[in-house]
């Protein structure tokens, strides 16, 4: 899994804590692709490979494009805090929850470390797109189209439901 869309004016970096997070990351990337975001995915563990994660961070911090990070790590989610403390861009923690207790390591952060937490992978991509739309009008346009599609889908479902009830 690498770039979903290349050459964009903005960047969404999806950082997984391990290869086990690939399916969860793919869901984020799929929605991001639908919204036309430039996406790069990487793997690095704050616990097992902290130097590697710092190298990844340094690489993207040198990239001048506006960006958002989505961090995906279950169990003891140190990755989101580690990245948030080291970068200037917004970080969205999107942990794959195996059990409810896993959530606490994503929401209990030290002082002055503030990753956002969005549990649904598609919604994490949507939140990233809303942030990046502040820097790229094309993303803002795609978001408006996406919202119109969602609106139309609900209105059609209601009409179908209502018509079915009337007959």
Foldseek 3Di string as FASTA:
>chain_A
DAWLAPDDLEEEEEEEADPVCVVLLVLLVVLLVLLVHTYGYYYHHCVPHVVVVVVVLVVVQPPPGQYEYEYEYWDQPPPLQSSQVPHDHAYEYAYDYPDPVRCVNVPDHDPPRDHHYDHHSSVVNVVRLVVCCVVPVSSVVSNVVVVVVVVVVVVVVVVVVVVVVVD
